[in-house]
Every structure is written in C-alpha cells, then in structure tokens.
Protein backbone atom coordinates (compact mmCIF):
# COMPACT_ATOMS: atom_id res chain seq x y z
CA MET A 1 -47.50 -30.39 76.36
CA ASN A 2 -43.81 -31.11 75.03
CA ALA A 3 -40.70 -29.01 76.84
CA GLU A 4 -40.91 -26.35 74.58
CA SER A 5 -44.40 -25.45 74.01
CA LEU A 6 -44.81 -21.68 74.63
CA PRO A 7 -47.35 -20.08 77.18
CA ARG A 8 -50.56 -18.68 75.85
CA SER A 9 -49.54 -15.16 76.48
CA ALA A 10 -46.76 -15.25 74.34
CA ILE A 11 -48.57 -16.38 71.11
CA LEU A 12 -51.13 -13.95 71.56
CA GLY A 13 -48.49 -10.97 72.18
CA TYR A 14 -46.60 -11.93 69.09
CA GLY A 15 -49.83 -11.58 67.34
CA LEU A 16 -50.32 -8.13 68.72
CA GLY A 17 -47.15 -7.34 67.50
CA ASP A 18 -48.51 -8.11 64.10
CA ALA A 19 -51.65 -6.23 64.62
CA ALA A 20 -49.51 -3.14 65.19
CA ASN A 21 -47.51 -4.03 61.75
CA ASN A 22 -50.78 -4.23 59.79
CA ILE A 23 -52.17 -0.98 61.33
CA GLY A 24 -49.52 0.54 58.95
CA TRP A 25 -49.65 -1.97 56.17
CA GLN A 26 -53.73 -2.01 56.10
CA MET A 27 -53.73 1.79 56.20
CA THR A 28 -51.72 1.52 52.60
CA ASN A 29 -53.04 -1.56 51.27
CA LEU A 30 -56.50 -0.85 51.74
CA PHE A 31 -56.98 2.72 51.49
CA LEU A 32 -53.88 4.86 50.25
CA THR A 33 -54.13 4.23 46.75
CA THR A 34 -58.01 5.68 47.07
CA TYR A 35 -56.68 8.25 49.25
CA TYR A 36 -53.70 9.66 46.87
CA LEU A 37 -55.94 9.46 43.59
CA TYR A 38 -59.06 11.01 45.34
CA LEU A 39 -56.57 14.06 46.16
CA GLY A 40 -56.30 14.18 42.54
CA MET A 41 -53.13 12.14 41.94
CA ASP A 42 -52.50 10.82 38.24
CA PRO A 43 -53.16 6.79 38.81
CA MET A 44 -49.80 6.17 36.93
CA LEU A 45 -47.85 8.78 39.26
CA VAL A 46 -49.24 6.72 42.48
CA ALA A 47 -48.13 3.40 40.75
CA ASP A 48 -44.58 4.65 40.30
CA ILE A 49 -44.40 6.21 43.96
CA PHE A 50 -45.59 2.52 45.29
CA LEU A 51 -42.91 0.73 42.83
CA GLY A 52 -39.99 3.59 44.15
CA ALA A 53 -41.08 2.82 47.81
CA HIS A 54 -41.16 -0.59 47.74
CA LEU A 55 -37.85 -1.13 45.89
CA PHE A 56 -36.48 1.27 48.52
CA GLN A 57 -37.70 -0.92 50.98
CA ALA A 58 -36.07 -3.91 49.64
CA LEU A 59 -32.79 -2.44 49.82
CA VAL A 60 -33.42 -1.21 53.26
CA TYR A 61 -33.91 -4.83 54.20
CA LEU A 62 -30.52 -5.57 53.53
CA VAL A 63 -29.29 -3.24 56.24
CA ALA A 64 -32.29 -4.32 58.44
CA GLY A 65 -31.05 -8.09 58.43
CA ARG A 66 -27.10 -7.23 59.34
CA ILE A 67 -28.68 -5.26 62.13
CA THR A 68 -30.73 -8.07 63.45
CA ASP A 69 -28.12 -10.54 63.32
CA GLY A 70 -25.29 -8.31 64.30
CA ARG A 71 -27.22 -7.30 67.33
CA ALA A 72 -25.97 -7.72 71.07
CA LYS A 73 -27.44 -10.68 73.07
CA ASP A 74 -28.67 -9.55 76.66
CA LYS A 75 -31.25 -10.38 79.03
CA GLU A 76 -33.72 -7.83 77.75
CA GLY A 77 -33.85 -9.39 73.94
CA GLY A 78 -32.43 -7.63 71.26
CA LEU A 79 -35.06 -8.47 68.61
CA ARG A 80 -37.85 -7.35 70.75
CA ARG A 81 -35.75 -3.78 71.65
CA LEU A 82 -35.58 -3.61 67.99
CA VAL A 83 -39.01 -4.16 66.94
CA VAL A 84 -39.97 -1.35 69.21
CA VAL A 85 -37.26 1.03 68.61
CA PHE A 86 -38.45 1.41 65.05
CA GLY A 87 -42.22 0.37 65.28
CA LEU A 88 -43.13 3.47 67.38
CA PRO A 89 -42.10 5.78 64.89
CA MET A 90 -43.40 3.96 62.33
CA MET A 91 -46.87 4.58 64.07
CA ILE A 92 -45.95 8.83 63.68
CA SER A 93 -45.13 7.84 59.80
CA VAL A 94 -48.68 6.16 58.90
CA THR A 95 -50.42 9.39 60.55
CA LEU A 96 -48.07 11.70 58.50
CA MET A 97 -49.17 9.89 55.46
CA TYR A 98 -52.88 10.94 55.86
CA THR A 99 -52.05 14.68 56.54
CA ILE A 100 -51.68 15.93 52.98
CA PRO A 101 -52.91 19.13 52.49
CA ALA A 102 -56.07 18.99 50.41
CA GLY A 103 -55.76 22.69 49.35
CA ALA A 104 -52.02 22.45 48.28
CA PRO A 105 -50.28 22.70 44.75
CA MET A 106 -50.18 19.66 43.05
CA PRO A 107 -46.23 19.67 43.32
CA VAL A 108 -46.73 19.79 47.15
CA ARG A 109 -49.11 16.93 47.41
CA ILE A 110 -46.71 14.70 45.50
CA GLY A 111 -43.77 15.48 47.56
CA TRP A 112 -45.53 15.09 50.53
CA ALA A 113 -46.93 11.81 49.52
CA ILE A 114 -43.40 10.87 48.36
CA ALA A 115 -41.42 11.80 51.56
CA THR A 116 -43.94 10.64 54.31
CA TYR A 117 -44.61 7.15 52.31
CA LEU A 118 -40.41 6.69 52.12
CA LEU A 119 -40.11 7.33 55.78
CA TYR A 120 -43.05 4.75 56.49
CA GLN A 121 -41.28 2.00 54.24
CA LEU A 122 -37.92 2.90 55.96
CA LEU A 123 -38.96 2.55 59.58
CA GLY A 124 -41.18 -0.60 58.71
CA ALA A 125 -38.10 -2.63 57.44
CA LEU A 126 -35.81 -1.67 60.06
CA GLY A 127 -38.97 -2.93 62.38
CA GLY A 128 -39.98 -5.69 60.24
CA VAL A 129 -36.87 -7.71 59.91
CA PRO A 130 -36.56 -8.30 63.91
CA TYR A 131 -39.90 -8.88 64.56
CA GLY A 132 -40.01 -12.05 61.75
CA ALA A 133 -36.71 -13.07 63.35
CA LEU A 134 -38.47 -13.14 66.70
CA LEU A 135 -40.63 -16.09 65.46
CA GLY A 136 -37.57 -18.48 65.01
CA ALA A 137 -35.72 -17.23 68.43
CA MET A 138 -38.94 -17.64 70.38
CA THR A 139 -39.25 -21.71 70.08
CA ARG A 140 -37.51 -24.51 67.88
CA ASP A 141 -40.97 -26.55 67.91
CA SER A 142 -42.66 -27.00 64.24
CA ASP A 143 -46.00 -26.73 66.12
CA ASP A 144 -45.71 -23.64 68.02
CA ARG A 145 -44.28 -22.04 64.80
CA GLN A 146 -47.21 -22.72 62.99
CA ARG A 147 -49.23 -21.21 66.27
CA LEU A 148 -47.12 -18.19 66.29
CA ALA A 149 -47.59 -17.72 62.26
CA ALA A 150 -51.39 -18.15 62.91
CA SER A 151 -51.21 -15.91 65.80
CA ARG A 152 -49.51 -13.24 63.44
CA THR A 153 -51.94 -13.78 60.86
CA PHE A 154 -55.04 -13.61 62.99
CA GLY A 155 -53.46 -10.17 64.71
CA GLY A 156 -52.92 -8.80 61.16
CA ALA A 157 -56.05 -9.31 60.07
CA ALA A 158 -58.21 -8.12 63.20
CA ALA A 159 -55.78 -4.57 62.60
CA GLY A 160 -58.00 -4.99 59.20
CA VAL A 161 -61.19 -5.62 60.70
CA VAL A 162 -61.12 -2.32 63.04
CA LEU A 163 -60.13 -0.22 60.08
CA THR A 164 -62.45 -2.11 57.71
CA PHE A 165 -65.37 -0.96 60.40
CA THR A 166 -64.38 2.67 60.57
CA LEU A 167 -63.22 3.50 56.91
CA ALA A 168 -64.89 1.39 54.52
CA PRO A 169 -68.45 2.27 54.84
CA ARG A 170 -67.51 5.85 54.09
CA VAL A 171 -64.48 5.94 51.83
CA ASN A 172 -66.19 6.94 48.80
CA ASP A 173 -68.68 9.43 50.36
CA MET A 174 -66.61 11.97 52.27
CA ASP A 175 -63.91 14.33 51.83
CA PRO A 176 -60.42 12.21 52.18
CA SER A 177 -58.55 14.93 53.74
CA ARG A 178 -61.33 14.82 56.85
CA LEU A 179 -62.26 11.15 56.64
CA PHE A 180 -58.57 9.56 57.17
CA LEU A 181 -56.56 11.51 59.66
CA PRO A 182 -58.86 10.95 63.20
CA VAL A 183 -58.78 7.48 62.73
CA VAL A 184 -55.79 6.73 61.43
CA ALA A 185 -54.04 8.65 64.76
CA ALA A 186 -56.22 6.41 67.23
CA CYS A 187 -55.48 3.52 65.47
CA CYS A 188 -51.65 4.27 65.26
CA LEU A 189 -51.97 4.75 69.12
CA LEU A 190 -53.46 1.25 69.62
CA GLY A 191 -50.63 0.27 67.34
CA SER A 192 -47.96 1.75 69.61
CA LEU A 193 -49.39 -0.22 72.40
CA GLY A 194 -49.52 -3.40 70.50
CA TYR A 195 -46.00 -3.18 70.43
CA LEU A 196 -45.18 -2.77 74.00
CA ILE A 197 -47.31 -6.00 74.82
CA MET A 198 -45.72 -7.73 72.64
CA ALA A 199 -42.50 -6.76 74.03
CA ARG A 200 -43.79 -7.36 77.41
CA THR A 201 -45.37 -11.14 76.40
CA THR A 202 -42.66 -12.62 74.18
CA ARG A 203 -38.89 -14.08 75.00
CA GLU A 204 -36.39 -14.97 72.79
CA ARG A 205 -35.34 -18.50 73.96
CA TYR A 206 -32.91 -19.69 71.43
CA LEU A 207 -30.95 -16.50 70.55
CA PRO A 208 -27.29 -17.03 68.88
CA PRO A 209 -24.04 -15.31 70.28
CA ALA A 210 -24.02 -11.71 68.62
CA ALA A 211 -21.72 -12.06 65.07
CA PRO A 212 -20.45 -9.29 63.28
CA PRO A 213 -23.13 -8.03 60.18
CA SER A 214 -23.27 -10.04 57.16
CA SER A 215 -22.00 -8.90 53.66
CA LEU A 216 -24.11 -8.37 50.83
CA LYS A 217 -22.64 -10.88 48.74
CA GLU A 218 -23.01 -13.48 52.00
CA ASP A 219 -26.78 -12.69 52.11
CA LEU A 220 -26.95 -13.54 48.19
CA ARG A 221 -25.02 -16.49 48.60
CA LEU A 222 -27.17 -17.50 51.62
CA LEU A 223 -30.37 -16.90 49.54
CA ALA A 224 -28.77 -18.93 46.39
CA ASP A 225 -27.66 -21.84 48.86
CA ASN A 226 -30.59 -22.27 51.02
CA ARG A 227 -33.04 -24.09 48.60
CA PRO A 228 -36.25 -24.39 50.75
CA LEU A 229 -35.53 -20.38 51.22
CA LEU A 230 -35.20 -19.65 47.25
CA VAL A 231 -38.55 -21.50 46.89
CA VAL A 232 -40.21 -19.88 49.40
CA CYS A 233 -39.14 -16.17 48.17
CA LEU A 234 -39.73 -17.17 44.52
CA ALA A 235 -43.03 -18.42 45.27
CA THR A 236 -44.25 -15.59 47.54
CA LEU A 237 -42.87 -12.96 44.74
CA PHE A 238 -45.84 -14.06 42.47
CA MET A 239 -48.33 -13.27 44.88
CA THR A 240 -49.82 -10.79 42.96
CA ASN A 241 -53.33 -9.56 43.85
CA PRO A 242 -54.50 -6.38 43.43
CA VAL A 243 -58.25 -6.71 44.75
CA ALA A 244 -57.49 -5.39 48.11
CA SER A 245 -55.69 -1.89 47.19
CA LEU A 246 -58.76 -1.32 44.45
CA ALA A 247 -61.55 -2.50 46.52
CA PRO A 248 -63.38 1.08 46.91
CA ILE A 249 -62.89 1.29 43.30
CA VAL A 250 -64.27 -1.68 42.06
CA ALA A 251 -67.08 -1.45 44.16
CA LYS A 252 -68.05 1.97 42.29
CA GLU A 253 -66.95 1.79 39.04
CA VAL A 254 -67.32 -1.96 38.24
CA LEU A 255 -70.36 -3.77 40.99
CA THR A 256 -72.58 -1.08 41.65
CA VAL A 257 -73.07 1.36 38.47
CA GLY A 258 -76.09 2.55 37.96
CA ASN A 259 -77.03 1.67 41.63
CA PRO A 260 -74.92 4.45 43.74
CA GLY A 261 -77.21 3.73 46.78
CA LEU A 262 -75.23 0.10 46.99
CA THR A 263 -71.88 1.49 46.91
CA GLY A 264 -71.35 2.38 50.25
CA ARG A 265 -72.14 -1.44 51.50
CA VAL A 266 -70.61 -2.99 48.64
CA THR A 267 -67.23 -1.35 49.43
CA PHE A 268 -67.80 -2.32 53.36
CA ALA A 269 -68.54 -5.87 52.27
CA LEU A 270 -65.21 -6.14 49.64
CA THR A 271 -62.97 -4.69 52.47
CA LEU A 272 -64.24 -6.76 54.94
CA VAL A 273 -64.28 -9.98 53.48
CA GLY A 274 -60.40 -9.26 52.41
CA VAL A 275 -59.69 -8.94 56.20
CA LEU A 276 -61.82 -11.32 57.81
CA ALA A 277 -60.26 -14.11 55.71
CA GLY A 278 -57.68 -14.16 58.23
CA VAL A 279 -59.51 -14.19 61.61
CA VAL A 280 -61.29 -17.07 60.04
CA VAL A 281 -58.73 -18.92 58.51
CA ALA A 282 -56.00 -18.43 61.11
CA PRO A 283 -57.15 -20.69 63.83
CA CYS A 284 -57.56 -23.47 61.13
CA SER A 285 -53.74 -22.76 59.70
CA PRO A 286 -52.69 -25.43 62.31
CA TRP A 287 -54.88 -27.84 61.42
CA LEU A 288 -54.75 -27.77 57.59
CA VAL A 289 -51.04 -28.02 58.06
CA GLN A 290 -50.77 -31.16 60.24
CA ARG A 291 -53.05 -32.97 57.74
CA LEU A 292 -51.85 -31.13 54.06
CA GLY A 293 -48.49 -30.03 55.07
CA LYS A 294 -47.04 -26.82 54.54
CA ARG A 295 -46.74 -27.58 50.68
CA GLY A 296 -50.15 -28.92 50.55
CA THR A 297 -51.68 -25.97 52.36
CA TRP A 298 -50.22 -23.36 50.15
CA THR A 299 -51.21 -25.49 47.36
CA LEU A 300 -54.68 -25.37 48.58
CA GLY A 301 -54.66 -21.59 49.33
CA GLY A 302 -53.39 -21.09 46.05
CA LEU A 303 -56.14 -23.16 44.06
CA MET A 304 -58.70 -21.07 45.76
CA VAL A 305 -57.56 -17.88 44.49
CA ILE A 306 -56.99 -19.12 41.15
CA GLY A 307 -60.75 -20.52 41.13
CA SER A 308 -61.97 -17.43 42.49
CA SER A 309 -60.30 -14.80 40.53
CA LEU A 310 -61.72 -16.76 37.33
CA ALA A 311 -65.26 -16.85 38.61
CA PHE A 312 -65.10 -13.02 39.21
CA ILE A 313 -64.53 -12.45 35.58
CA LEU A 314 -67.52 -14.58 34.67
CA VAL A 315 -70.28 -13.29 37.47
CA ARG A 316 -72.46 -10.24 36.63
CA SER A 317 -74.42 -9.37 39.92
CA ALA A 318 -72.30 -7.63 42.91
CA TRP A 319 -73.00 -10.17 45.98
CA PRO A 320 -71.81 -13.44 43.76
CA ALA A 321 -68.65 -11.00 42.95
CA VAL A 322 -68.16 -10.08 46.56
CA ALA A 323 -68.41 -13.81 47.33
CA CYS A 324 -65.49 -14.43 45.02
CA ILE A 325 -63.41 -12.03 46.55
CA ALA A 326 -64.23 -13.64 49.61
CA LEU A 327 -62.96 -16.73 48.46
CA ASN A 328 -59.81 -15.02 47.07
CA GLY A 329 -59.25 -13.56 50.09
CA ILE A 330 -59.45 -16.94 52.25
CA GLY A 331 -57.13 -18.41 49.99
CA VAL A 332 -54.22 -15.82 50.47
CA GLN A 333 -54.64 -16.27 54.51
CA VAL A 334 -54.45 -20.29 53.84
CA ILE A 335 -50.80 -19.41 52.27
CA THR A 336 -49.63 -16.46 54.75
CA PRO A 337 -49.09 -18.53 57.90
CA CYS A 338 -46.95 -21.10 55.84
CA ILE A 339 -44.60 -18.11 54.20
CA TRP A 340 -43.65 -17.46 58.00
CA SER A 341 -43.34 -20.64 59.16
CA MET A 342 -41.16 -21.93 56.29
CA GLN A 343 -38.97 -19.05 56.50
CA ALA A 344 -38.24 -20.21 60.19
CA ASP A 345 -37.52 -23.90 58.87
CA SER A 346 -35.16 -22.36 56.29
CA VAL A 347 -33.30 -21.12 59.33
CA GLN A 348 -32.99 -24.48 61.09
CA TYR A 349 -32.11 -26.07 57.33
CA GLU A 350 -29.04 -23.62 57.13
CA GLN A 351 -27.87 -24.37 60.56
CA TRP A 352 -28.16 -28.37 60.09
CA ARG A 353 -26.63 -27.75 56.46
CA THR A 354 -23.43 -25.57 57.54
CA GLY A 355 -23.33 -25.43 61.35
CA ASN A 356 -24.05 -21.52 61.23
CA GLY A 357 -27.23 -21.00 63.25
CA ASN A 358 -26.88 -16.95 63.04
CA THR A 359 -28.64 -16.23 59.43
CA ALA A 360 -32.53 -15.66 61.26
CA GLY A 361 -32.27 -11.93 60.09
CA ALA A 362 -30.22 -12.62 56.81
CA SER A 363 -32.88 -15.41 55.98
CA MET A 364 -35.95 -12.95 57.11
CA ALA A 365 -34.32 -10.16 54.96
CA ALA A 366 -33.84 -12.13 51.94
CA LEU A 367 -37.50 -13.40 52.54
CA SER A 368 -38.72 -9.64 52.99
CA ILE A 369 -36.81 -8.00 50.06
CA THR A 370 -38.19 -10.65 47.88
CA ARG A 371 -42.22 -9.88 49.47
CA GLN A 372 -40.86 -6.08 48.88
CA VAL A 373 -40.01 -6.43 45.25
CA GLY A 374 -43.58 -8.58 44.94
CA ALA A 375 -45.35 -5.46 47.19
CA ALA A 376 -43.89 -3.38 44.82
CA ILE A 377 -45.39 -5.30 41.89
CA ASN A 378 -48.44 -5.51 43.73
CA GLY A 379 -48.60 -1.67 44.51
CA TRP A 380 -47.92 -0.69 40.97
CA ALA A 381 -50.04 -3.08 39.35
CA GLY A 382 -53.42 -1.65 41.13
CA PRO A 383 -53.31 2.00 39.94
CA ALA A 384 -51.24 1.07 36.68
CA ILE A 385 -54.27 -1.05 35.75
CA LEU A 386 -56.40 1.99 36.49
CA SER A 387 -53.75 4.32 33.96
CA PHE A 388 -53.77 1.73 31.50
CA LEU A 389 -57.73 1.42 31.20
CA GLY A 390 -57.72 5.24 31.24
CA TYR A 391 -59.47 5.92 34.80
CA ARG A 392 -59.75 9.45 35.77
CA PRO A 393 -58.50 10.96 39.07
CA GLY A 394 -60.52 12.53 41.47
CA MET A 395 -63.73 12.15 43.46
CA ASN A 396 -66.79 11.70 41.78
CA VAL A 397 -65.53 12.11 38.02
CA ALA A 398 -67.31 10.50 35.49
CA GLN A 399 -65.65 7.41 33.95
CA ASP A 400 -66.00 5.96 30.60
CA PRO A 401 -68.45 3.20 30.45
CA ALA A 402 -65.88 0.48 29.05
CA LEU A 403 -63.98 0.83 32.13
CA GLY A 404 -66.29 -1.62 34.50
CA ALA A 405 -65.93 -4.51 32.18
CA ASN A 406 -62.33 -4.30 31.16
CA MET A 407 -61.14 -3.51 35.10
CA ARG A 408 -63.71 -6.78 35.68
CA LEU A 409 -61.47 -8.72 33.65
CA ALA A 410 -57.83 -7.14 34.50
CA VAL A 411 -58.80 -7.21 38.10
CA GLY A 412 -59.65 -11.79 37.61
CA LEU A 413 -56.98 -12.64 35.28
CA VAL A 414 -53.86 -10.71 36.96
CA PRO A 415 -54.11 -13.04 40.30
CA ALA A 416 -55.13 -16.14 38.33
CA VAL A 417 -52.10 -16.26 36.00
CA MET A 418 -49.90 -15.35 39.02
CA PHE A 419 -50.97 -17.75 41.79
CA THR A 420 -50.58 -20.54 39.02
CA ILE A 421 -46.96 -19.75 38.89
CA SER A 422 -46.77 -19.61 42.57
CA VAL A 423 -48.29 -23.00 42.98
CA LEU A 424 -46.04 -24.61 40.63
CA LEU A 425 -42.94 -23.09 42.14
CA ILE A 426 -43.92 -24.26 46.10
CA ARG A 427 -44.34 -27.75 44.79
CA CYS A 428 -40.45 -27.72 44.45
CA TYR A 429 -40.31 -26.68 48.29
CA PRO A 430 -37.98 -29.92 49.81
CA LEU A 431 -38.41 -29.27 53.41
CA THR A 432 -41.96 -31.86 53.82
CA GLU A 433 -42.88 -32.46 57.18
CA GLU A 434 -40.80 -35.85 57.26
CA VAL A 435 -37.74 -34.34 56.40
CA PHE A 436 -37.53 -31.18 58.57
CA GLY A 437 -38.48 -33.61 61.68
CA ARG A 438 -35.41 -35.74 60.45
CA ILE A 439 -33.57 -32.02 60.70
CA SER A 440 -34.83 -31.01 64.09
CA ALA A 441 -33.87 -34.65 65.21
CA ASP A 442 -30.31 -34.04 64.30
CA LEU A 443 -29.58 -30.52 65.78
CA GLN A 444 -31.28 -31.62 68.91
CA ALA A 445 -28.94 -34.80 68.71
CA GLY A 446 -25.71 -32.14 68.12
CA ARG A 447 -25.48 -33.58 64.57
CA ILE A 448 -25.05 -31.46 61.90
CA GLN A 449 -24.89 -32.02 57.70
CA CYS A 450 -21.89 -30.70 56.04
CA GLN A 451 -20.24 -30.80 52.70
CA CYS A 452 -18.68 -33.83 53.27
CA SER A 453 -22.19 -35.62 54.25
CA HIS A 454 -20.49 -36.99 57.91
CA ILE A 455 -24.24 -36.50 59.16
CA ARG A 456 -24.61 -40.09 57.18
CA GLN A 457 -22.11 -41.48 58.55
CA GLY A 458 -22.97 -40.81 62.17
CA THR A 459 -20.64 -38.09 63.18
CA GLU A 460 -21.51 -36.04 66.17
CA HIS A 461 -21.17 -32.53 67.18
CA GLN A 462 -17.47 -32.35 67.95
CA ALA A 463 -15.97 -34.29 64.94
CA CYS A 464 -18.00 -32.53 62.32
CA PRO A 465 -15.80 -29.86 60.32
CA GLY A 466 -18.90 -27.89 59.45
CA ASP A 467 -19.63 -27.49 62.96
CA PRO A 468 -18.79 -23.74 64.40
CA ARG A 469 -17.30 -25.36 67.38
CA SER A 470 -15.13 -27.97 65.66
CA PRO A 471 -11.26 -27.09 65.71
CA HIS A 472 -11.47 -28.21 62.12
CA ARG A 473 -14.09 -25.48 60.83
CA GLY A 474 -12.39 -23.20 58.21
CA GLY A 475 -13.24 -19.36 58.00
CA LYS A 476 -16.00 -17.40 59.02
CA GLY A 477 -19.24 -17.90 57.55
CA THR A 478 -18.05 -20.92 55.64
CA ASP A 479 -18.20 -24.57 55.64
CA ALA A 480 -14.73 -26.52 55.57
CA CYS A 481 -16.00 -29.94 54.72
CA ALA A 482 -14.21 -29.93 51.17
C-alpha cells in the first residue's frame, strides 16, 4: 500500500455522500416525470419545466464553482462543510417536490412544481460542486481516485435500489398524491444521515490555499484551454438516455399492452435493472480501467448502450426488452466513474500546465454545467417525446394504439445516436494512463509544464516562470512563460 492510500472508511464515507445526492437525483430521474403526468400536467409543459430548471442550475454552477475555489482553508475542511450546509436543505426541497395538492387548480400545481423543482436544482448545484471537488482533494493517487469514483457510483446506485423496491412496483397502481410523500420523506431523512457520515469519515489532504473567486471569463478560459476537461465535458453532453425517466410509462404503454397484470412486475424490473447496474458495475470499474484505460472503458460502455438500444427496437417480448434496458444501464454505469476521475485528472493537468492548482471548483463547475445542459436535454427529451407522439396525460387514460410502437422506436434510437457521438468524442481524450503517470511524476518532483516548455529542459520548481511560487510569475491566474 503506498503512502497516499485512503482508509476504507473514507472511501465508503464518500460513497455515502453520493447515496445522499442520489436520493434527490433518482427521485427526479425515475419518478418525477410520471408523478407530474399522473397529476394531469401536459407532457410538453413538463418537458419545458425540466429544461428551464436544468439550465437554471447550469448558471448556479458558475456561482458554486467560485464559492468552492474561494473557500477558506481550515482544519474542519471547507469542502465537506459546504456539502452539508447545502445538502441538508436539499433533502427538504426533495420532499416538498412531492407535496403538490392533488385537488388544487392546475395553475397552483404548475406553480408548486416549478418553485420546488427550482429550489432543488439551486441547492443541488451549491452542494454538488464541493462534493465533486472533494474527490481530488482527498488523494492524488490515480487508483484511489478510481476507487472513490467507483464508491460514488455504488452509493448512488444503492440509493436507486432502495427507491426501486419501495416505489416502482406500485407507481402505476396508486394515487400519486398518497404514494410518494411518506417514502420520499423517509428516504430524505436517510440521505441527511449520509451527508453527516460523509463529513465525519472523509478529509481533505491536498487542499490549495483559499483564493479569490474566479470570474466567468476565467472559468470559460479554463474550459477552453484545458483540452482533457473540454473533451470530457463534450462527451458527457451527448450521454442522452430518456429510458430511466420514462420507465413506468414504457412498461405500461409499450411492453405490457394487453397484459395489465404484468405491468407492476415489468415496471419494477425496468427500474431495478437501471439502478442495479451501478451496484454490479462499480466494484469492477477500477479493474476495467487498469486493463482498458479510462478512454477504453468509456468506449466499451458506450458501445454497450448503442448495441442494447438498437436491440430494444427489434425485440417484441417484454422480458427480452427488459434485458436490453439492463445492458443499457450497465453501459452507462461503466462510463460514470470515468467521468469523475477524468475531471479530477484534468485539475492536475491544469496545475502541471500552468502552475495553478486551485481550479478544482472551476473544473467541477465546468463539468457540472455541461452535465446539467445534458440533463436539461435528457429531462426535456422524455416528456417531449411523449408530447410529440400524442401521449394523453392522466392516470389510466386510454392512448392511441400506435403509441407503443412509436415509443419503442424513439426510446431506442435517441440513445443510440447520442452515445455514438459521445464515443467518437472521447477517443480524442489526450490523458492516457501513460501520459497522466508522467504528469503525476512531474508534480511530485516539483516540476510543471509552462508555455515555454521548461519541463522538457528539466527546469525545477524554483526556476519555472509558470510556477505560482516563482518570482517570475506574471499576474494572478496567468502563465507568464511568453
């Protein structure tokens, strides 16, 4: 075990933090579309709510990144404190999302949905950026980072499994106003406990000094100049997959038409295979990365999504279709840990390239903004597809007979096309394991790369003008090696 190896409690505690994060995310991703539609809201209106709220959160991430990078360094850990301060109120906001009065006039329902969903997105962004930046602050070891990313994926998937067993079997059979609130409130209480355990078991070991908040221009320049981060952001943007958000409706209107007795079991299976994929795949993620590299692992996951999505279009029986969606979910979860570890690697790349080691928050914000734009597209796509296909909102409303076949085609074709683009983009990711190993060795030896390429000449820390400790460094946040 090397000197930087993290204790198991820290790895598990970090995963519990994302289990808490995913109480909110899974409740919105798995069930919120169905909840809104069964309360009678128009599908296109629901799509617009999701689109606007996610774009709003993308803007909040800009503020969250500056708060994270401008935090005060103290013995308690500024990152963990931010996660808890914003995470606990976020749990309350998730509960409020599922308290829409069923008998209220439609404008009241819509206003309630917009207000509570925006509140959730606000608090989720303010707590999510420091949580993501915490991974890079806990360790510089690439293997430990992959273990933390896998723990994060496992924790998030575990939250989804709990929600699946409590809600999915009954979501198509009960009044949503009576079904959701008790379960959501109990899960949010567990999520709050997860944040507190995370704060207790983790520790920032590589926290840079507090710095003034960066400007929007500096954040955008970081994204444009940091090629690894830019590639990851663009590849993440195209991970559009509306299957999860439409699972209850796909089960009812596509897979069990003419056999309503099967609907509950298929809904449960569709939801379970999506979230269980993370539990199955997360422990294997470090093994895959060691053998295929992060870029190769991402490619493998993308090809699994593409193949299973195309197969979903062709199969006609319910259970083979469930198997296709299971493979789809596994492919997504193969990719997910790579996103977080690649983002952390991009921070070290930026430090090696410019000498600026205080970009974790801005880097996480850039990735989070991109993911939110992708989530906006993803959240919009599900209900927008329903609206385009003529879906009629409300519970137990008769649908057009052609709806099932058209939904099957759309749900399979959209992720197949989008993940093809994602795979092509990630092939341009420049930080192979060999390159990143050299960068880590340079940083440990006190060397950085600057614009005049002193690293290739063997220049050490004290002589490199790009080093923030060097008297030759010119100006805040810039590289003076001209």
